[in-house]
């Protein structure tokens, strides 16, 4: 009987010790640390359509009824830190995206290009002839990327695509592989600049995800947040560039990101703004006019900031 009690006491003592170790995290394999890229993907993939309704009735917030009269065919507005979807219209429907396409072109160039490389504007990339670059000119890749994004230069996009991938078709494949990586399931890229093409399309929800991913790249954010810049050419001349995103110049807290227009896509705008520690990302597609895309985006952002202010206040209760 004595040996049984001793054994029982041993088992009891061992169990208590193991339990104590487990509660302290000892004796367990540590969970692997997430990489910065894994965290980035997790953040931009978060889209919550439920949480907001538990705290706030968005229909009671000032500016809500104004959204019903907007001309834009589709949009999505999201709180960047929480992934809360604040407002959406036709957000998962496939739409043409015009030069918002260039967000992906810029991202891939920053990720895969050598920024100090020299890029020449050659015959095979001087196609649209509607931008500021001219055949025979040369730029550093980093400067041509900035020029493309600030004034939406279509031939600069072709030159960047060819330089980074070796040829434009390979670059389109890179664009689509990146879209798959980001789970942009309603997206297909067929060119680097968004010129009319039935096979170049996306959705507001997919483009919000891309915009949030891009803005977590500090180099990308710096480019699209620049209001004005002199872009140097290799020969010493400069191009004076003013950001085509009017909100950069007029909307308090705007940090980017990209305009777009074709007759096929209408007037489009991807934008991001931060106020009082709240960062909102918006993609608006197929607005009626050059001016309306900015006015309507500002109205949606204003509404979004009011909603998130109410959400924060109610979350403290």
C-alpha atoms as a PDB file:
ATOM      1  CA  UNK A   1       0.000   0.000   0.000  1.00  0.00           C
ATOM      2  CA  UNK A   2       2.849   2.325   0.801  1.00  0.00           C
ATOM      3  CA  UNK A   3       4.424   1.908  -2.666  1.00  0.00           C
ATOM      4  CA  UNK A   4       1.033   2.575  -4.284  1.00  0.00           C
ATOM      5  CA  UNK A   5       0.647   5.826  -2.360  1.00  0.00           C
ATOM      6  CA  UNK A   6       4.170   6.847  -3.309  1.00  0.00           C
ATOM      7  CA  UNK A   7       3.481   6.155  -6.988  1.00  0.00           C
ATOM      8  CA  UNK A   8       0.164   8.004  -6.824  1.00  0.00           C
ATOM      9  CA  UNK A   9       1.864  10.932  -5.197  1.00  0.00           C
ATOM     10  CA  UNK A  10       4.502  10.890  -7.945  1.00  0.00           C
ATOM     11  CA  UNK A  11       1.856  10.919 -10.690  1.00  0.00           C
ATOM     12  CA  UNK A  12      -0.040  13.709  -8.955  1.00  0.00           C
ATOM     13  CA  UNK A  13       3.103  15.803  -8.509  1.00  0.00           C
ATOM     14  CA  UNK A  14       4.156  15.229 -12.116  1.00  0.00           C
ATOM     15  CA  UNK A  15       0.714  16.219 -13.419  1.00  0.00           C
ATOM     16  CA  UNK A  16       0.755  19.422 -11.398  1.00  0.00           C
ATOM     17  CA  UNK A  17       4.226  20.287 -12.699  1.00  0.00           C
ATOM     18  CA  UNK A  18       3.314  19.651 -16.327  1.00  0.00           C
ATOM     19  CA  UNK A  19       0.143  21.673 -15.968  1.00  0.00           C
ATOM     20  CA  UNK A  20       2.127  24.529 -14.484  1.00  0.00           C
ATOM     21  CA  UNK A  21       4.678  24.360 -17.287  1.00  0.00           C
ATOM     22  CA  UNK A  22       1.950  24.366 -19.914  1.00  0.00           C
ATOM     23  CA  UNK A  23       0.248  27.368 -18.339  1.00  0.00           C
ATOM     24  CA  UNK A  24       3.561  29.215 -18.506  1.00  0.00           C
ATOM     25  CA  UNK A  25       4.089  28.249 -22.119  1.00  0.00           C
ATOM     26  CA  UNK A  26       6.875  25.814 -21.216  1.00  0.00           C
ATOM     27  CA  UNK A  27       7.081  22.458 -22.834  1.00  0.00           C
ATOM     28  CA  UNK A  28       5.261  23.624 -25.947  1.00  0.00           C
ATOM     29  CA  UNK A  29       6.619  24.349 -29.373  1.00  0.00           C
ATOM     30  CA  UNK A  30       6.579  28.136 -29.882  1.00  0.00           C
ATOM     31  CA  UNK A  31       4.218  29.328 -32.578  1.00  0.00           C
ATOM     32  CA  UNK A  32       6.160  30.429 -35.672  1.00  0.00           C
ATOM     33  CA  UNK A  33       6.438  34.180 -36.058  1.00  0.00           C
ATOM     34  CA  UNK A  34       4.565  35.625 -39.013  1.00  0.00           C
ATOM     35  CA  UNK A  35       6.703  37.338 -41.624  1.00  0.00           C
ATOM     36  CA  UNK A  36       6.037  40.989 -42.511  1.00  0.00           C
ATOM     37  CA  UNK A  37       4.623  39.810 -45.839  1.00  0.00           C
ATOM     38  CA  UNK A  38       2.249  37.378 -44.131  1.00  0.00           C
ATOM     39  CA  UNK A  39       1.048  40.174 -41.862  1.00  0.00           C
ATOM     40  CA  UNK A  40       0.621  42.489 -44.854  1.00  0.00           C
ATOM     41  CA  UNK A  41      -1.450  39.922 -46.737  1.00  0.00           C
ATOM     42  CA  UNK A  42      -3.567  39.200 -43.694  1.00  0.00           C
ATOM     43  CA  UNK A  43      -4.274  42.895 -43.143  1.00  0.00           C
ATOM     44  CA  UNK A  44      -5.302  43.703 -46.708  1.00  0.00           C
ATOM     45  CA  UNK A  45      -7.425  40.563 -47.028  1.00  0.00           C
ATOM     46  CA  UNK A  46      -9.514  41.484 -43.990  1.00  0.00           C
ATOM     47  CA  UNK A  47     -12.944  42.748 -45.082  1.00  0.00           C
ATOM     48  CA  UNK A  48     -15.579  42.868 -42.345  1.00  0.00           C
ATOM     49  CA  UNK A  49     -19.189  43.571 -43.317  1.00  0.00           C
ATOM     50  CA  UNK A  50     -20.707  42.696 -39.917  1.00  0.00           C
ATOM     51  CA  UNK A  51     -18.818  44.504 -37.156  1.00  0.00           C
ATOM     52  CA  UNK A  52     -19.948  48.003 -38.112  1.00  0.00           C
ATOM     53  CA  UNK A  53     -23.649  47.141 -37.895  1.00  0.00           C
ATOM     54  CA  UNK A  54     -23.161  45.868 -34.352  1.00  0.00           C
ATOM     55  CA  UNK A  55     -21.970  49.288 -33.189  1.00  0.00           C
ATOM     56  CA  UNK A  56     -23.466  51.881 -35.534  1.00  0.00           C
ATOM     57  CA  UNK A  57     -26.470  52.273 -37.805  1.00  0.00           C
ATOM     58  CA  UNK A  58     -24.760  53.786 -40.859  1.00  0.00           C
ATOM     59  CA  UNK A  59     -28.077  55.055 -42.228  1.00  0.00           C
ATOM     60  CA  UNK A  60     -28.302  57.509 -39.330  1.00  0.00           C
ATOM     61  CA  UNK A  61     -24.926  59.127 -40.044  1.00  0.00           C
ATOM     62  CA  UNK A  62     -24.850  62.509 -41.756  1.00  0.00           C
ATOM     63  CA  UNK A  63     -24.128  62.218 -45.487  1.00  0.00           C
ATOM     64  CA  UNK A  64     -25.612  58.755 -45.961  1.00  0.00           C
ATOM     65  CA  UNK A  65     -28.539  59.838 -48.162  1.00  0.00           C
ATOM     66  CA  UNK A  66     -26.223  61.902 -50.361  1.00  0.00           C
ATOM     67  CA  UNK A  67     -24.552  58.706 -51.540  1.00  0.00           C
ATOM     68  CA  UNK A  68     -27.768  57.602 -53.239  1.00  0.00           C
ATOM     69  CA  UNK A  69     -27.468  60.415 -55.772  1.00  0.00           C
ATOM     70  CA  UNK A  70     -23.856  59.814 -56.806  1.00  0.00           C
ATOM     71  CA  UNK A  71     -23.205  59.049 -60.461  1.00  0.00           C
ATOM     72  CA  UNK A  72     -20.478  56.454 -59.850  1.00  0.00           C
ATOM     73  CA  UNK A  73     -21.476  52.958 -60.868  1.00  0.00           C
ATOM     74  CA  UNK A  74     -19.398  51.125 -58.258  1.00  0.00           C
ATOM     75  CA  UNK A  75     -17.299  51.778 -55.185  1.00  0.00           C
ATOM     76  CA  UNK A  76     -15.969  50.333 -51.945  1.00  0.00           C
ATOM     77  CA  UNK A  77     -14.882  52.301 -48.882  1.00  0.00           C
ATOM     78  CA  UNK A  78     -12.997  50.462 -46.151  1.00  0.00           C
ATOM     79  CA  UNK A  79     -11.347  51.326 -42.849  1.00  0.00           C
ATOM     80  CA  UNK A  80      -7.749  50.313 -43.379  1.00  0.00           C
ATOM     81  CA  UNK A  81      -6.815  49.217 -39.860  1.00  0.00           C
ATOM     82  CA  UNK A  82      -9.887  47.074 -39.127  1.00  0.00           C
ATOM     83  CA  UNK A  83     -11.023  46.027 -42.596  1.00  0.00           C
ATOM     84  CA  UNK A  84     -14.517  47.302 -41.810  1.00  0.00           C
ATOM     85  CA  UNK A  85     -16.463  47.916 -45.014  1.00  0.00           C
ATOM     86  CA  UNK A  86     -18.177  51.269 -44.504  1.00  0.00           C
ATOM     87  CA  UNK A  87     -19.920  51.720 -47.838  1.00  0.00           C
ATOM     88  CA  UNK A  88     -20.153  49.725 -51.062  1.00  0.00           C
ATOM     89  CA  UNK A  89     -22.058  49.722 -54.329  1.00  0.00           C
ATOM     90  CA  UNK A  90     -21.666  46.986 -56.943  1.00  0.00           C
ATOM     91  CA  UNK A  91     -18.320  46.362 -55.260  1.00  0.00           C
ATOM     92  CA  UNK A  92     -17.925  42.769 -56.414  1.00  0.00           C
ATOM     93  CA  UNK A  93     -19.119  43.331 -59.989  1.00  0.00           C
ATOM     94  CA  UNK A  94     -16.558  43.285 -62.779  1.00  0.00           C
ATOM     95  CA  UNK A  95     -15.831  46.735 -64.168  1.00  0.00           C
ATOM     96  CA  UNK A  96     -13.198  48.350 -66.365  1.00  0.00           C
ATOM     97  CA  UNK A  97     -10.559  50.192 -64.344  1.00  0.00           C
ATOM     98  CA  UNK A  98      -8.728  52.502 -66.759  1.00  0.00           C
ATOM     99  CA  UNK A  99      -5.413  53.841 -65.396  1.00  0.00           C
ATOM    100  CA  UNK A 100      -6.001  52.475 -61.909  1.00  0.00           C
ATOM    101  CA  UNK A 101      -4.302  49.527 -63.649  1.00  0.00           C
ATOM    102  CA  UNK A 102      -1.038  51.432 -63.190  1.00  0.00           C
ATOM    103  CA  UNK A 103      -1.089  50.677 -59.455  1.00  0.00           C
ATOM    104  CA  UNK A 104      -0.113  47.105 -60.334  1.00  0.00           C
ATOM    105  CA  UNK A 105       2.458  48.272 -62.898  1.00  0.00           C
ATOM    106  CA  UNK A 106       4.086  50.531 -60.321  1.00  0.00           C
ATOM    107  CA  UNK A 107       4.059  47.841 -57.635  1.00  0.00           C
ATOM    108  CA  UNK A 108       5.739  45.231 -59.850  1.00  0.00           C
ATOM    109  CA  UNK A 109       8.324  47.719 -61.083  1.00  0.00           C
ATOM    110  CA  UNK A 110       9.266  48.610 -57.508  1.00  0.00           C
ATOM    111  CA  UNK A 111       9.402  44.946 -56.496  1.00  0.00           C
ATOM    112  CA  UNK A 112      11.283  43.602 -59.531  1.00  0.00           C
ATOM    113  CA  UNK A 113      13.083  46.478 -61.217  1.00  0.00           C
ATOM    114  CA  UNK A 114      16.501  48.008 -60.636  1.00  0.00           C
ATOM    115  CA  UNK A 115      15.541  51.576 -59.855  1.00  0.00           C
ATOM    116  CA  UNK A 116      18.807  53.106 -61.057  1.00  0.00           C
ATOM    117  CA  UNK A 117      18.558  51.407 -64.472  1.00  0.00           C
ATOM    118  CA  UNK A 118      18.227  53.635 -67.528  1.00  0.00           C
ATOM    119  CA  UNK A 119      15.009  53.161 -69.516  1.00  0.00           C
ATOM    120  CA  UNK A 120      14.751  54.428 -73.083  1.00  0.00           C
ATOM    121  CA  UNK A 121      11.516  55.318 -74.853  1.00  0.00           C
ATOM    122  CA  UNK A 122      11.816  53.174 -77.983  1.00  0.00           C
ATOM    123  CA  UNK A 123       9.589  52.746 -81.043  1.00  0.00           C
ATOM    124  CA  UNK A 124       7.877  49.622 -79.714  1.00  0.00           C
ATOM    125  CA  UNK A 125       6.690  51.327 -76.507  1.00  0.00           C
ATOM    126  CA  UNK A 126       5.874  54.728 -78.005  1.00  0.00           C
ATOM    127  CA  UNK A 127       2.339  53.665 -78.839  1.00  0.00           C
ATOM    128  CA  UNK A 128      -0.343  55.992 -77.503  1.00  0.00           C
ATOM    129  CA  UNK A 129       1.673  59.194 -77.895  1.00  0.00           C
ATOM    130  CA  UNK A 130      -0.688  60.909 -75.451  1.00  0.00           C
ATOM    131  CA  UNK A 131       1.695  61.481 -72.539  1.00  0.00           C
ATOM    132  CA  UNK A 132       4.734  63.571 -71.799  1.00  0.00           C
ATOM    133  CA  UNK A 133       7.473  61.098 -72.721  1.00  0.00           C
ATOM    134  CA  UNK A 134       8.869  61.214 -76.252  1.00  0.00           C
ATOM    135  CA  UNK A 135      10.623  58.656 -78.428  1.00  0.00           C
ATOM    136  CA  UNK A 136      14.366  58.655 -77.875  1.00  0.00           C
ATOM    137  CA  UNK A 137      14.235  60.077 -74.349  1.00  0.00           C
ATOM    138  CA  UNK A 138      15.773  58.208 -71.427  1.00  0.00           C
ATOM    139  CA  UNK A 139      15.019  58.181 -67.712  1.00  0.00           C
ATOM    140  CA  UNK A 140      16.100  56.377 -64.595  1.00  0.00           C
ATOM    141  CA  UNK A 141      13.508  53.696 -63.869  1.00  0.00           C
ATOM    142  CA  UNK A 142      12.602  55.266 -60.511  1.00  0.00           C
ATOM    143  CA  UNK A 143      11.931  58.626 -62.190  1.00  0.00           C
ATOM    144  CA  UNK A 144       9.876  57.112 -65.003  1.00  0.00           C
ATOM    145  CA  UNK A 145       7.744  55.262 -62.433  1.00  0.00           C
ATOM    146  CA  UNK A 146       7.055  58.560 -60.654  1.00  0.00           C
ATOM    147  CA  UNK A 147       6.195  60.287 -63.940  1.00  0.00           C
ATOM    148  CA  UNK A 148       3.820  57.455 -64.894  1.00  0.00           C
ATOM    149  CA  UNK A 149       1.959  57.554 -61.598  1.00  0.00           C
ATOM    150  CA  UNK A 150       1.796  61.326 -61.142  1.00  0.00           C
ATOM    151  CA  UNK A 151       0.480  62.253 -64.599  1.00  0.00           C
ATOM    152  CA  UNK A 152      -0.722  58.820 -65.751  1.00  0.00           C
ATOM    153  CA  UNK A 153       1.580  58.494 -68.748  1.00  0.00           C
ATOM    154  CA  UNK A 154       0.511  55.514 -70.879  1.00  0.00           C
ATOM    155  CA  UNK A 155       3.695  55.088 -72.914  1.00  0.00           C
ATOM    156  CA  UNK A 156       5.794  55.305 -69.765  1.00  0.00           C
ATOM    157  CA  UNK A 157       3.830  52.268 -68.544  1.00  0.00           C
ATOM    158  CA  UNK A 158       4.711  50.328 -71.698  1.00  0.00           C
ATOM    159  CA  UNK A 159       8.390  51.260 -71.339  1.00  0.00           C
ATOM    160  CA  UNK A 160       8.425  50.191 -67.688  1.00  0.00           C
ATOM    161  CA  UNK A 161       6.696  46.890 -68.456  1.00  0.00           C
ATOM    162  CA  UNK A 162       9.148  46.023 -71.224  1.00  0.00           C
ATOM    163  CA  UNK A 163      12.178  46.997 -69.146  1.00  0.00           C
ATOM    164  CA  UNK A 164      11.166  45.080 -66.028  1.00  0.00           C
ATOM    165  CA  UNK A 165      10.028  41.863 -67.719  1.00  0.00           C
ATOM    166  CA  UNK A 166      11.957  41.875 -71.007  1.00  0.00           C
ATOM    167  CA  UNK A 167       8.754  42.122 -73.022  1.00  0.00           C
ATOM    168  CA  UNK A 168       5.233  43.347 -72.363  1.00  0.00           C
ATOM    169  CA  UNK A 169       3.492  39.965 -72.631  1.00  0.00           C
ATOM    170  CA  UNK A 170       5.675  38.546 -69.882  1.00  0.00           C
ATOM    171  CA  UNK A 171       4.848  41.581 -67.762  1.00  0.00           C
ATOM    172  CA  UNK A 172       1.103  40.972 -68.211  1.00  0.00           C
ATOM    173  CA  UNK A 173       1.664  37.460 -66.933  1.00  0.00           C
ATOM    174  CA  UNK A 174       3.444  38.911 -63.904  1.00  0.00           C
ATOM    175  CA  UNK A 175       0.474  41.204 -63.301  1.00  0.00           C
ATOM    176  CA  UNK A 176      -1.991  38.329 -63.365  1.00  0.00           C
ATOM    177  CA  UNK A 177       0.162  36.111 -61.146  1.00  0.00           C
ATOM    178  CA  UNK A 178       0.344  38.928 -58.594  1.00  0.00           C
ATOM    179  CA  UNK A 179      -3.423  39.339 -58.801  1.00  0.00           C
ATOM    180  CA  UNK A 180      -3.845  35.629 -58.067  1.00  0.00           C
ATOM    181  CA  UNK A 181      -1.395  35.917 -55.163  1.00  0.00           C
ATOM    182  CA  UNK A 182      -3.567  38.694 -53.724  1.00  0.00           C
ATOM    183  CA  UNK A 183      -6.762  36.660 -54.337  1.00  0.00           C
ATOM    184  CA  UNK A 184      -8.121  39.294 -56.705  1.00  0.00           C
ATOM    185  CA  UNK A 185     -10.623  36.826 -58.075  1.00  0.00           C
ATOM    186  CA  UNK A 186     -12.551  39.255 -60.302  1.00  0.00           C
ATOM    187  CA  UNK A 187      -9.472  40.729 -61.967  1.00  0.00           C
ATOM    188  CA  UNK A 188      -7.582  40.195 -65.208  1.00  0.00           C
ATOM    189  CA  UNK A 189      -4.851  42.379 -66.646  1.00  0.00           C
ATOM    190  CA  UNK A 190      -4.237  42.697 -70.389  1.00  0.00           C
ATOM    191  CA  UNK A 191      -2.028  45.790 -70.508  1.00  0.00           C
ATOM    192  CA  UNK A 192       0.091  47.896 -68.138  1.00  0.00           C
ATOM    193  CA  UNK A 193      -1.819  51.169 -68.431  1.00  0.00           C
ATOM    194  CA  UNK A 194      -5.576  50.485 -68.520  1.00  0.00           C
ATOM    195  CA  UNK A 195      -6.232  51.530 -72.098  1.00  0.00           C
ATOM    196  CA  UNK A 196      -9.520  50.099 -73.454  1.00  0.00           C
ATOM    197  CA  UNK A 197      -9.387  46.311 -73.609  1.00  0.00           C
ATOM    198  CA  UNK A 198     -12.244  43.915 -72.866  1.00  0.00           C
ATOM    199  CA  UNK A 199      -9.823  41.635 -71.020  1.00  0.00           C
ATOM    200  CA  UNK A 200      -8.561  44.330 -68.644  1.00  0.00           C
ATOM    201  CA  UNK A 201     -11.047  44.431 -65.790  1.00  0.00           C
ATOM    202  CA  UNK A 202     -11.432  44.225 -62.032  1.00  0.00           C
ATOM    203  CA  UNK A 203     -13.879  45.093 -59.244  1.00  0.00           C
ATOM    204  CA  UNK A 204     -13.963  47.814 -56.621  1.00  0.00           C
ATOM    205  CA  UNK A 205     -13.382  45.198 -53.903  1.00  0.00           C
ATOM    206  CA  UNK A 206     -10.339  43.730 -55.671  1.00  0.00           C
ATOM    207  CA  UNK A 207      -8.877  47.164 -56.338  1.00  0.00           C
ATOM    208  CA  UNK A 208      -9.340  48.210 -52.702  1.00  0.00           C
ATOM    209  CA  UNK A 209      -7.306  45.173 -51.727  1.00  0.00           C
ATOM    210  CA  UNK A 210      -4.607  46.081 -54.261  1.00  0.00           C
ATOM    211  CA  UNK A 211      -4.567  49.712 -53.123  1.00  0.00           C
ATOM    212  CA  UNK A 212      -4.175  48.732 -49.469  1.00  0.00           C
ATOM    213  CA  UNK A 213      -1.387  46.309 -50.359  1.00  0.00           C
ATOM    214  CA  UNK A 214       0.416  48.931 -52.466  1.00  0.00           C
ATOM    215  CA  UNK A 215       0.162  51.640 -49.824  1.00  0.00           C
ATOM    216  CA  UNK A 216       2.008  49.386 -47.386  1.00  0.00           C
ATOM    217  CA  UNK A 217       5.047  49.767 -49.671  1.00  0.00           C
ATOM    218  CA  UNK A 218       6.777  52.935 -48.487  1.00  0.00           C
ATOM    219  CA  UNK A 219       8.276  53.691 -51.914  1.00  0.00           C
ATOM    220  CA  UNK A 220       4.876  53.356 -53.587  1.00  0.00           C
ATOM    221  CA  UNK A 221       3.199  55.541 -50.951  1.00  0.00           C
ATOM    222  CA  UNK A 222       5.860  58.231 -51.354  1.00  0.00           C
ATOM    223  CA  UNK A 223       5.313  58.386 -55.129  1.00  0.00           C
ATOM    224  CA  UNK A 224       1.524  58.636 -55.090  1.00  0.00           C
ATOM    225  CA  UNK A 225       1.572  61.068 -52.176  1.00  0.00           C
ATOM    226  CA  UNK A 226       3.751  63.590 -54.036  1.00  0.00           C
ATOM    227  CA  UNK A 227       1.856  66.684 -55.166  1.00  0.00           C
ATOM    228  CA  UNK A 228       4.438  68.148 -57.556  1.00  0.00           C
ATOM    229  CA  UNK A 229       7.867  67.096 -58.755  1.00  0.00           C
ATOM    230  CA  UNK A 230      10.459  67.869 -61.383  1.00  0.00           C
ATOM    231  CA  UNK A 231      11.200  64.572 -63.132  1.00  0.00           C
ATOM    232  CA  UNK A 232      14.764  64.488 -64.491  1.00  0.00           C
ATOM    233  CA  UNK A 233      15.729  63.038 -67.857  1.00  0.00           C
ATOM    234  CA  UNK A 234      19.139  61.468 -68.408  1.00  0.00           C
ATOM    235  CA  UNK A 235      20.135  64.371 -70.684  1.00  0.00           C
ATOM    236  CA  UNK A 236      19.678  66.890 -67.851  1.00  0.00           C
ATOM    237  CA  UNK A 237      16.280  68.276 -68.799  1.00  0.00           C
ATOM    238  CA  UNK A 238      13.285  68.073 -66.449  1.00  0.00           C
ATOM    239  CA  UNK A 239       9.554  67.500 -66.722  1.00  0.00           C
ATOM    240  CA  UNK A 240       7.371  69.505 -64.356  1.00  0.00           C
ATOM    241  CA  UNK A 241       4.750  67.057 -63.081  1.00  0.00           C
ATOM    242  CA  UNK A 242       1.663  67.849 -61.011  1.00  0.00           C
ATOM    243  CA  UNK A 243      -0.237  64.929 -59.514  1.00  0.00           C
ATOM    244  CA  UNK A 244      -3.436  64.264 -61.489  1.00  0.00           C
ATOM    245  CA  UNK A 245      -5.243  63.267 -58.278  1.00  0.00           C
ATOM    246  CA  UNK A 246      -6.999  66.505 -57.298  1.00  0.00           C
ATOM    247  CA  UNK A 247      -7.642  65.212 -53.776  1.00  0.00           C
ATOM    248  CA  UNK A 248      -3.894  65.354 -53.088  1.00  0.00           C
ATOM    249  CA  UNK A 249      -4.149  69.110 -53.519  1.00  0.00           C
ATOM    250  CA  UNK A 250      -7.575  69.786 -52.005  1.00  0.00           C
ATOM    251  CA  UNK A 251      -8.675  67.089 -49.535  1.00  0.00           C
ATOM    252  CA  UNK A 252      -7.349  67.245 -45.980  1.00  0.00           C
ATOM    253  CA  UNK A 253      -5.354  64.143 -45.122  1.00  0.00           C
ATOM    254  CA  UNK A 254      -5.263  62.638 -48.620  1.00  0.00           C
ATOM    255  CA  UNK A 255      -2.186  60.453 -49.131  1.00  0.00           C
ATOM    256  CA  UNK A 256      -2.833  59.115 -52.666  1.00  0.00           C
ATOM    257  CA  UNK A 257      -3.347  57.215 -54.904  1.00  0.00           C
ATOM    258  CA  UNK A 258      -4.421  56.991 -58.624  1.00  0.00           C
ATOM    259  CA  UNK A 259      -6.766  58.483 -61.203  1.00  0.00           C
ATOM    260  CA  UNK A 260      -8.172  56.730 -64.259  1.00  0.00           C
ATOM    261  CA  UNK A 261     -10.268  57.506 -67.314  1.00  0.00           C
ATOM    262  CA  UNK A 262     -11.257  55.928 -70.600  1.00  0.00           C
ATOM    263  CA  UNK A 263     -14.582  56.128 -72.427  1.00  0.00           C
ATOM    264  CA  UNK A 264     -14.941  52.422 -71.683  1.00  0.00           C
ATOM    265  CA  UNK A 265     -14.325  52.732 -67.933  1.00  0.00           C
ATOM    266  CA  UNK A 266     -15.608  56.236 -67.197  1.00  0.00           C
ATOM    267  CA  UNK A 267     -13.921  58.439 -64.619  1.00  0.00           C
ATOM    268  CA  UNK A 268     -12.279  56.438 -61.821  1.00  0.00           C
ATOM    269  CA  UNK A 269     -10.327  57.175 -58.679  1.00  0.00           C
ATOM    270  CA  UNK A 270      -8.518  55.163 -56.025  1.00  0.00           C
ATOM    271  CA  UNK A 271      -7.859  57.311 -52.963  1.00  0.00           C
ATOM    272  CA  UNK A 272      -6.672  57.075 -49.393  1.00  0.00           C
ATOM    273  CA  UNK A 273      -6.880  59.620 -46.577  1.00  0.00           C
ATOM    274  CA  UNK A 274      -6.009  59.777 -42.889  1.00  0.00           C
ATOM    275  CA  UNK A 275      -7.653  61.942 -40.224  1.00  0.00           C
ATOM    276  CA  UNK A 276      -7.435  61.658 -36.443  1.00  0.00           C
ATOM    277  CA  UNK A 277      -5.719  58.288 -36.659  1.00  0.00           C
ATOM    278  CA  UNK A 278      -8.342  56.844 -39.026  1.00  0.00           C
ATOM    279  CA  UNK A 279      -7.177  55.749 -42.488  1.00  0.00           C
ATOM    280  CA  UNK A 280      -9.780  55.092 -45.168  1.00  0.00           C
ATOM    281  CA  UNK A 281      -9.244  53.531 -48.594  1.00  0.00           C
ATOM    282  CA  UNK A 282     -11.730  54.097 -51.411  1.00  0.00           C
ATOM    283  CA  UNK A 283     -12.013  52.883 -54.981  1.00  0.00           C
ATOM    284  CA  UNK A 284     -14.677  54.593 -57.093  1.00  0.00           C
ATOM    285  CA  UNK A 285     -15.414  53.460 -60.654  1.00  0.00           C
ATOM    286  CA  UNK A 286     -17.303  54.881 -63.638  1.00  0.00           C
ATOM    287  CA  UNK A 287     -18.236  58.318 -62.370  1.00  0.00           C
ATOM    288  CA  UNK A 288     -19.879  60.739 -64.768  1.00  0.00           C
ATOM    289  CA  UNK A 289     -17.222  63.411 -65.254  1.00  0.00           C
ATOM    290  CA  UNK A 290     -13.682  64.553 -64.576  1.00  0.00           C
ATOM    291  CA  UNK A 291     -14.869  66.679 -61.645  1.00  0.00           C
ATOM    292  CA  UNK A 292     -17.524  64.307 -60.276  1.00  0.00           C
ATOM    293  CA  UNK A 293     -15.051  61.530 -59.436  1.00  0.00           C
ATOM    294  CA  UNK A 294     -13.263  63.889 -57.032  1.00  0.00           C
ATOM    295  CA  UNK A 295     -16.425  65.462 -55.593  1.00  0.00           C
ATOM    296  CA  UNK A 296     -18.065  62.072 -55.117  1.00  0.00           C
ATOM    297  CA  UNK A 297     -14.949  60.504 -53.614  1.00  0.00           C
ATOM    298  CA  UNK A 298     -14.685  63.384 -51.150  1.00  0.00           C
ATOM    299  CA  UNK A 299     -18.348  62.922 -50.166  1.00  0.00           C
ATOM    300  CA  UNK A 300     -17.859  59.202 -49.559  1.00  0.00           C
ATOM    301  CA  UNK A 301     -14.677  59.794 -47.554  1.00  0.00           C
ATOM    302  CA  UNK A 302     -16.358  62.505 -45.451  1.00  0.00           C
ATOM    303  CA  UNK A 303     -19.186  60.110 -44.682  1.00  0.00           C
ATOM    304  CA  UNK A 304     -16.692  57.366 -43.854  1.00  0.00           C
ATOM    305  CA  UNK A 305     -14.818  59.481 -41.327  1.00  0.00           C
ATOM    306  CA  UNK A 306     -18.087  60.378 -39.591  1.00  0.00           C
ATOM    307  CA  UNK A 307     -19.083  56.706 -39.469  1.00  0.00           C
ATOM    308  CA  UNK A 308     -15.768  55.591 -37.999  1.00  0.00           C
ATOM    309  CA  UNK A 309     -15.842  58.399 -35.427  1.00  0.00           C
ATOM    310  CA  UNK A 310     -19.247  57.152 -34.272  1.00  0.00           C
ATOM    311  CA  UNK A 311     -17.988  53.576 -34.321  1.00  0.00           C
ATOM    312  CA  UNK A 312     -15.050  54.484 -32.070  1.00  0.00           C
ATOM    313  CA  UNK A 313     -17.265  56.350 -29.634  1.00  0.00           C
ATOM    314  CA  UNK A 314     -19.752  53.474 -29.397  1.00  0.00           C
ATOM    315  CA  UNK A 315     -16.947  50.933 -28.979  1.00  0.00           C
ATOM    316  CA  UNK A 316     -15.879  52.688 -25.778  1.00  0.00           C
ATOM    317  CA  UNK A 317     -19.313  52.244 -24.188  1.00  0.00           C
END
